[in-house]
Each structure stands twice: as structure tokens, then as C-alpha cells.
Protein backbone atom coordinates (compact mmCIF):
# COMPACT_ATOMS: atom_id res chain seq x y z
CA MET A 1 4.13 -13.68 -19.47
CA ARG A 2 3.44 -11.65 -16.35
CA PRO A 3 5.23 -8.31 -16.10
CA GLN A 4 8.62 -7.83 -14.47
CA PHE A 5 10.17 -4.45 -13.76
CA SER A 6 12.20 -2.57 -11.17
CA ILE A 7 11.32 0.34 -8.92
CA GLY A 8 14.68 1.56 -7.73
CA ASP A 9 16.54 -1.55 -6.60
CA VAL A 10 13.33 -3.45 -5.90
CA GLN A 11 12.41 -6.12 -8.45
CA TRP A 12 8.72 -6.78 -9.10
CA GLY A 13 7.64 -10.12 -10.48
CA GLY A 14 10.93 -11.73 -9.49
CA GLU A 15 11.86 -14.52 -7.10
CA LEU A 16 10.97 -12.63 -3.91
CA PRO A 17 7.78 -10.87 -2.84
CA VAL A 18 7.88 -7.11 -2.28
CA PHE A 19 6.89 -5.53 1.03
CA LEU A 20 5.32 -2.05 1.18
CA LEU A 21 5.73 -1.09 4.82
CA GLY A 22 5.26 2.02 6.93
CA PRO A 23 2.89 4.00 9.11
CA CYS A 24 -0.49 5.19 7.93
CA VAL A 25 0.39 8.88 7.96
CA ILE A 26 3.38 11.19 8.47
CA GLU A 27 2.69 12.16 12.08
CA SER A 28 5.91 14.19 12.38
CA GLU A 29 9.32 14.36 10.74
CA GLU A 30 11.01 12.67 13.68
CA PHE A 31 8.41 9.90 13.80
CA VAL A 32 8.56 9.01 10.12
CA TRP A 33 12.38 8.97 10.08
CA ARG A 34 12.35 6.69 13.11
CA MET A 35 9.88 4.30 11.49
CA ALA A 36 11.69 4.22 8.16
CA THR A 37 15.07 3.59 9.75
CA ALA A 38 13.70 0.74 11.89
CA LEU A 39 11.91 -0.91 8.96
CA HIS A 40 14.95 -0.59 6.73
CA ALA A 41 17.07 -2.38 9.32
CA ILE A 42 14.47 -5.14 9.76
CA CYS A 43 14.10 -5.75 6.03
CA LYS A 44 17.86 -5.81 5.53
CA GLU A 45 18.20 -8.36 8.32
CA VAL A 46 15.51 -10.74 7.00
CA GLY A 47 16.24 -10.21 3.29
CA ALA A 48 12.89 -8.65 2.35
CA PRO A 49 12.63 -6.27 -0.65
CA PHE A 50 11.23 -3.08 0.85
CA ILE A 51 9.39 0.05 -0.25
CA PHE A 52 8.64 2.61 2.47
CA LYS A 53 5.14 4.07 2.62
CA ALA A 54 3.48 6.91 4.50
CA SER A 55 0.69 9.32 3.57
CA TYR A 56 1.21 13.08 3.35
CA ASP A 57 -2.56 13.66 3.50
CA LYS A 58 -5.32 11.39 4.78
CA ALA A 59 -7.97 13.01 2.61
CA ASN A 60 -10.55 10.30 3.25
CA ARG A 61 -11.12 10.60 7.00
CA THR A 62 -14.36 9.70 8.73
CA SER A 63 -14.48 13.04 10.58
CA GLY A 64 -13.49 16.49 9.39
CA LYS A 65 -11.73 16.94 12.74
CA SER A 66 -9.29 14.07 12.15
CA PHE A 67 -5.56 14.60 11.61
CA ARG A 68 -4.60 14.61 7.94
CA GLY A 69 -0.85 15.17 7.57
CA PRO A 70 1.68 17.78 6.43
CA GLY A 71 0.47 18.21 2.83
CA VAL A 72 1.70 17.14 -0.57
CA ARG A 73 4.87 19.18 -1.16
CA GLU A 74 6.24 19.00 2.38
CA GLY A 75 5.33 15.34 2.82
CA CYS A 76 6.74 14.16 -0.51
CA LYS A 77 10.00 16.07 -0.03
CA LEU A 78 10.42 14.39 3.34
CA LEU A 79 9.74 10.93 1.89
CA ALA A 80 12.24 11.58 -0.90
CA GLU A 81 14.90 12.55 1.64
CA ILE A 82 14.25 9.35 3.56
CA GLY A 83 14.39 7.25 0.41
CA LYS A 84 17.65 8.81 -0.72
CA SER A 85 19.27 8.48 2.70
CA LEU A 86 18.27 4.84 3.22
CA GLY A 87 18.53 3.78 -0.43
CA VAL A 88 14.93 2.55 -0.66
CA PRO A 89 12.03 3.48 -2.96
CA VAL A 90 9.10 5.35 -1.41
CA THR A 91 5.37 5.40 -2.08
CA THR A 92 2.39 7.51 -1.04
CA ASP A 93 -1.26 8.12 -1.98
CA ILE A 94 -2.25 10.84 -4.42
CA HIS A 95 -5.72 12.36 -4.56
CA THR A 96 -5.86 14.80 -7.49
CA PRO A 97 -4.13 15.27 -10.87
CA GLU A 98 -2.32 18.23 -9.33
CA ASP A 99 -1.06 15.99 -6.51
CA ALA A 100 0.23 13.51 -9.10
CA LYS A 101 2.42 16.13 -10.77
CA ILE A 102 3.91 17.31 -7.47
CA ALA A 103 4.38 13.84 -6.00
CA ALA A 104 6.07 12.56 -9.17
CA GLU A 105 8.96 14.98 -8.52
CA TYR A 106 9.83 13.01 -5.38
CA ILE A 107 8.01 9.66 -5.19
CA ASP A 108 8.98 6.37 -6.87
CA LEU A 109 5.59 4.61 -6.76
CA LEU A 110 2.35 6.60 -6.91
CA GLN A 111 -0.64 5.01 -5.20
CA ILE A 112 -4.25 5.65 -6.18
CA PRO A 113 -6.63 5.13 -3.23
CA ALA A 114 -9.49 2.66 -3.47
CA PHE A 115 -12.26 5.26 -3.47
CA LEU A 116 -10.57 6.99 -6.46
CA CYS A 117 -9.61 3.91 -8.46
CA ARG A 118 -11.96 4.66 -11.40
CA GLN A 119 -11.23 8.42 -11.63
CA THR A 120 -9.99 8.67 -15.21
CA ASP A 121 -8.37 12.08 -14.83
CA LEU A 122 -6.37 10.89 -11.83
CA ILE A 123 -5.36 7.65 -13.57
CA GLN A 124 -4.26 9.62 -16.64
CA ALA A 125 -2.28 12.12 -14.57
CA ALA A 126 -0.51 9.35 -12.66
CA ALA A 127 0.26 7.39 -15.83
CA GLU A 128 1.66 10.40 -17.64
CA THR A 129 4.18 11.16 -14.89
CA GLY A 130 6.23 8.13 -15.96
CA ARG A 131 6.25 6.82 -12.41
CA ALA A 132 5.09 3.33 -11.45
CA VAL A 133 1.47 3.24 -10.25
CA ASN A 134 -0.26 1.08 -7.65
CA VAL A 135 -4.06 1.14 -7.84
CA LYS A 136 -6.04 -0.07 -4.86
CA LYS A 137 -9.11 -1.96 -6.02
CA GLY A 138 -12.23 -0.24 -4.74
CA GLN A 139 -14.31 -1.97 -2.09
CA PHE A 140 -17.17 -1.80 -4.61
CA LEU A 141 -15.42 -3.59 -7.51
CA ALA A 142 -15.25 -7.22 -8.55
CA PRO A 143 -11.74 -8.53 -9.30
CA GLY A 144 -12.35 -8.65 -13.04
CA ASP A 145 -13.29 -4.97 -13.08
CA VAL A 146 -9.64 -3.98 -12.70
CA LYS A 147 -9.11 -4.82 -16.36
CA ASN A 148 -10.85 -1.59 -17.33
CA ILE A 149 -8.45 0.32 -15.09
CA GLY A 150 -5.48 -1.57 -16.51
CA ASP A 151 -6.61 -0.71 -20.02
CA LYS A 152 -6.79 2.97 -19.06
CA LEU A 153 -3.29 2.92 -17.59
CA ALA A 154 -1.87 1.22 -20.67
CA ALA A 155 -3.67 3.61 -23.00
CA PHE A 156 -2.13 6.55 -21.13
CA GLY A 157 1.36 5.06 -21.51
CA CYS A 158 1.93 3.45 -18.10
CA GLU A 159 3.84 0.17 -18.35
CA ARG A 160 4.71 -0.30 -14.67
CA PHE A 161 1.61 -0.79 -12.56
CA MET A 162 -0.02 -3.23 -10.16
CA PHE A 163 -3.33 -3.69 -8.35
CA THR A 164 -3.95 -4.01 -4.63
CA GLU A 165 -6.70 -6.05 -3.02
CA ARG A 166 -7.89 -4.38 0.20
CA GLY A 167 -11.20 -6.01 0.98
CA THR A 168 -14.75 -5.75 -0.29
CA THR A 169 -17.72 -4.09 1.40
CA PHE A 170 -19.59 -6.66 3.46
CA GLY A 171 -22.66 -5.13 5.03
CA TYR A 172 -22.29 -2.04 7.19
CA ASN A 173 -18.95 -1.05 8.79
CA ASN A 174 -17.23 -4.21 7.67
CA LEU A 175 -15.03 -5.65 4.93
CA VAL A 176 -14.26 -9.17 3.79
CA ALA A 177 -11.03 -10.27 2.08
CA ASP A 178 -11.67 -12.79 -0.70
CA MET A 179 -8.46 -14.65 -1.50
CA ARG A 180 -9.94 -15.74 -4.84
CA SER A 181 -9.50 -12.12 -5.94
CA LEU A 182 -5.73 -12.49 -5.88
CA TYR A 183 -5.88 -15.47 -8.22
CA TRP A 184 -8.35 -13.86 -10.62
CA MET A 185 -6.40 -10.60 -10.92
CA ARG A 186 -3.15 -12.48 -11.46
CA GLU A 187 -4.86 -14.57 -14.17
CA LEU A 188 -5.55 -11.30 -15.99
CA GLY A 189 -1.77 -10.86 -16.20
CA TYR A 190 -1.33 -8.23 -13.49
CA LEU A 191 1.02 -7.98 -10.55
CA VAL A 192 -1.08 -8.16 -7.38
CA VAL A 193 -0.55 -6.72 -3.91
CA PHE A 194 -2.52 -7.67 -0.81
CA ASP A 195 -3.22 -4.93 1.73
CA ALA A 196 -3.31 -6.81 5.02
CA THR A 197 -4.11 -3.87 7.27
CA HIS A 198 -6.84 -2.01 5.37
CA SER A 199 -8.58 -5.34 4.76
CA VAL A 200 -9.29 -5.58 8.50
CA GLN A 201 -10.80 -2.09 8.75
CA ARG A 202 -14.32 -1.46 9.99
CA PRO A 203 -15.00 1.75 8.04
CA GLY A 204 -16.78 4.25 10.25
CA GLY A 205 -17.11 1.53 12.87
CA GLY A 206 -16.01 3.87 15.64
CA GLY A 207 -18.69 6.46 15.00
CA ASP A 208 -16.49 9.45 14.12
CA LYS A 209 -13.53 7.26 13.18
CA THR A 210 -12.66 3.94 11.58
CA SER A 211 -12.13 0.92 13.78
CA GLY A 212 -10.69 -2.46 12.88
CA ASP A 213 -9.34 -5.86 13.82
CA GLY A 214 -5.58 -5.39 13.65
CA ILE A 215 -4.99 -8.73 15.36
CA LEU A 216 -6.26 -10.39 12.16
CA ALA A 217 -3.88 -8.53 9.80
CA PRO A 218 -1.02 -11.05 10.19
CA VAL A 219 -3.51 -13.89 9.64
CA LEU A 220 -4.69 -12.41 6.33
CA ALA A 221 -1.11 -11.61 5.32
CA ARG A 222 -0.15 -15.27 5.73
CA ALA A 223 -3.21 -16.40 3.81
CA ALA A 224 -2.50 -13.98 0.94
CA MET A 225 1.10 -15.11 0.66
CA ALA A 226 -0.05 -18.71 0.51
CA ALA A 227 -2.58 -17.76 -2.17
CA GLY A 228 0.21 -16.37 -4.34
CA CYS A 229 0.32 -12.58 -4.26
CA ASP A 230 3.34 -10.66 -5.59
CA ALA A 231 3.59 -8.18 -2.74
CA LEU A 232 2.19 -7.30 0.66
CA PHE A 233 1.15 -3.87 1.88
CA ILE A 234 1.33 -3.59 5.68
CA GLU A 235 0.89 -0.53 7.83
CA THR A 236 2.81 -0.58 11.08
CA HIS A 237 3.30 1.73 14.04
CA GLU A 238 5.56 1.72 17.07
CA ASN A 239 2.47 2.17 19.27
CA PRO A 240 -0.79 1.63 17.32
CA ALA A 241 -2.91 2.67 20.33
CA GLU A 242 -1.52 6.21 19.95
CA ALA A 243 -1.52 6.39 16.14
CA MET A 244 -3.09 9.50 14.61
CA SER A 245 -4.79 7.46 11.88
CA ASP A 246 -5.94 3.83 11.51
CA GLY A 247 -4.40 2.71 14.78
CA PRO A 248 -6.80 -0.25 15.24
CA ASN A 249 -5.59 -1.80 11.95
CA GLN A 250 -1.83 -1.32 12.18
CA ILE A 251 0.56 -4.06 13.24
CA PRO A 252 2.93 -3.16 16.10
CA LEU A 253 6.46 -2.52 14.83
CA ALA A 254 7.81 -5.09 17.29
CA GLN A 255 5.90 -7.83 15.43
CA ILE A 256 7.13 -7.00 11.93
CA ALA A 257 10.44 -8.93 11.87
CA PRO A 258 8.98 -12.33 12.87
CA LEU A 259 6.01 -11.78 10.57
CA LEU A 260 8.24 -11.05 7.56
CA LYS A 261 10.31 -14.14 8.28
CA THR A 262 7.17 -16.27 8.30
CA LEU A 263 5.86 -14.67 5.12
CA LEU A 264 9.13 -15.31 3.28
CA GLN A 265 9.04 -18.94 4.42
CA ILE A 266 5.46 -19.32 3.12
CA HIS A 267 6.43 -17.74 -0.19
CA ALA A 268 9.36 -20.12 -0.61
CA LEU A 269 7.09 -23.07 0.15
CA VAL A 270 4.32 -22.19 -2.31
CA ARG A 271 6.78 -21.42 -5.09
């Protein structure tokens, strides 16, 4: 029996897939409110279970000069206000055990970034908050390797967690998304998310920044839904060309509604 649980009003492992949607980073208070309000309206219209995401700190930037965000306390408080106002759960990355404790005061779903997915202290801190945890599978791990992470989470008392596939290192400055990974991780008994936008990154491909193939993100999202994932993680921006982080990978906000409709149709078909 695969797990089923709720995060706020969002049911995981139920009849509908979950959508984790939002911009890469909190660029400003006005911007993130605008994005959350628009996405909430879209998801309500198409009937898509929705968790809003945005990062308070992009700690893993290619260049030390890159924009990072408002910081943990300020960013998480803002996300909590948005979640309460719109009636939706919120998620964000954490980077240290200290971050986990602060974020857990405000955030419904804690996310462990791919490069930190095997950090035992961080996994323990996230698990012990009592919040749900989403672990992004590192670009350096095979699908079966997530079992060791799952065992850690369970040992530290976390019962609500899932794993996210976000591509595997494929030579220099490139990733490849292997849809077999979704099947293998689900066969281990885990809920599985597919990250459609980070899977099309070209890490460091822009010299002092990451580039990517955002035009392929909807293609991979459709493929992952057909392959049978439980949720999709999609970063979106009202104008990706002007985004402060990961612009080349994000899907324009104007494309989200038709994409979600298609994804829900694919999910209904494969069920």
C-alpha cells in the first residue's frame, strides 16, 4: 500500500495529482503575492490541487554575485501569510538544520535540495519538525539510492515524505530526465514528484549562471504524467526573461492554465 496523507487541504496519493507551482525565488513581496494569487485562481479554475512554492534563499547559485532572496525568517513569514490568505499550503527549500527549525514555524512542506539530499543532520532536523518533507533526488544518485534516505526519514520519525526526480548529470552542463526513475521509486513504495523545470537546466551552462531549455519543460511534464508520477513541480514566472533566478527554465505564467488542463487529462487517461 502506497502512502496517503494530507498537507493542509491537499491530498497526496489520492485520485488527483498534486501541483507544486511558483517562481524560483521571492523577488519582492509584491511579485510573490501577484504570482501566488494568479496561480491560485488558475488552479481553482482547472481543478488542480495546488501547493505554492518560492525560495527565500537561493543558496546554490553559480556566481557569488547572483541574487539570493530575502532570507529565511522574512521569506517564510511572507509565504505563511500568502498561504493563510489564499487557503493553500506552501513549500520552500531549507539548507541547514537551523533553517529547518525556523521554516517549520511557517511552512507546510519542507523541501531538501538535491545537492543536500544525503545530509543526515539536515534530514534529521527536517524530520523532527513534524512537517512533511520533500527530498529532491541528487543528480548523482540512482533511483534506488533514495531508499537509504527514506530509511533515515522514517528512523527520525517522519511519516509524510516524498521524493522528487529532477534529472541526472549527463556530461558537462547538462542533465537528462530518465522516466524509468519515476517507476522505480514508486515501486519502492514512495510518493514521487517530477520536477519539470529543473530537469531542463544546463547547470553553469551560461558561464556565471545556469542556462536551460525551458521550452522542453512542458514536454517532460507531459511525459512524467504519462509515466505515472504523483505530483509535478513546475517553476513559473510572469516574464522568465527578466527572472532573477533560473529564468531560462521557467514556464511563462500565461502557459500554465492550458498545460495543467492537458496534464489532468493525461492523468485521467493513464489511471
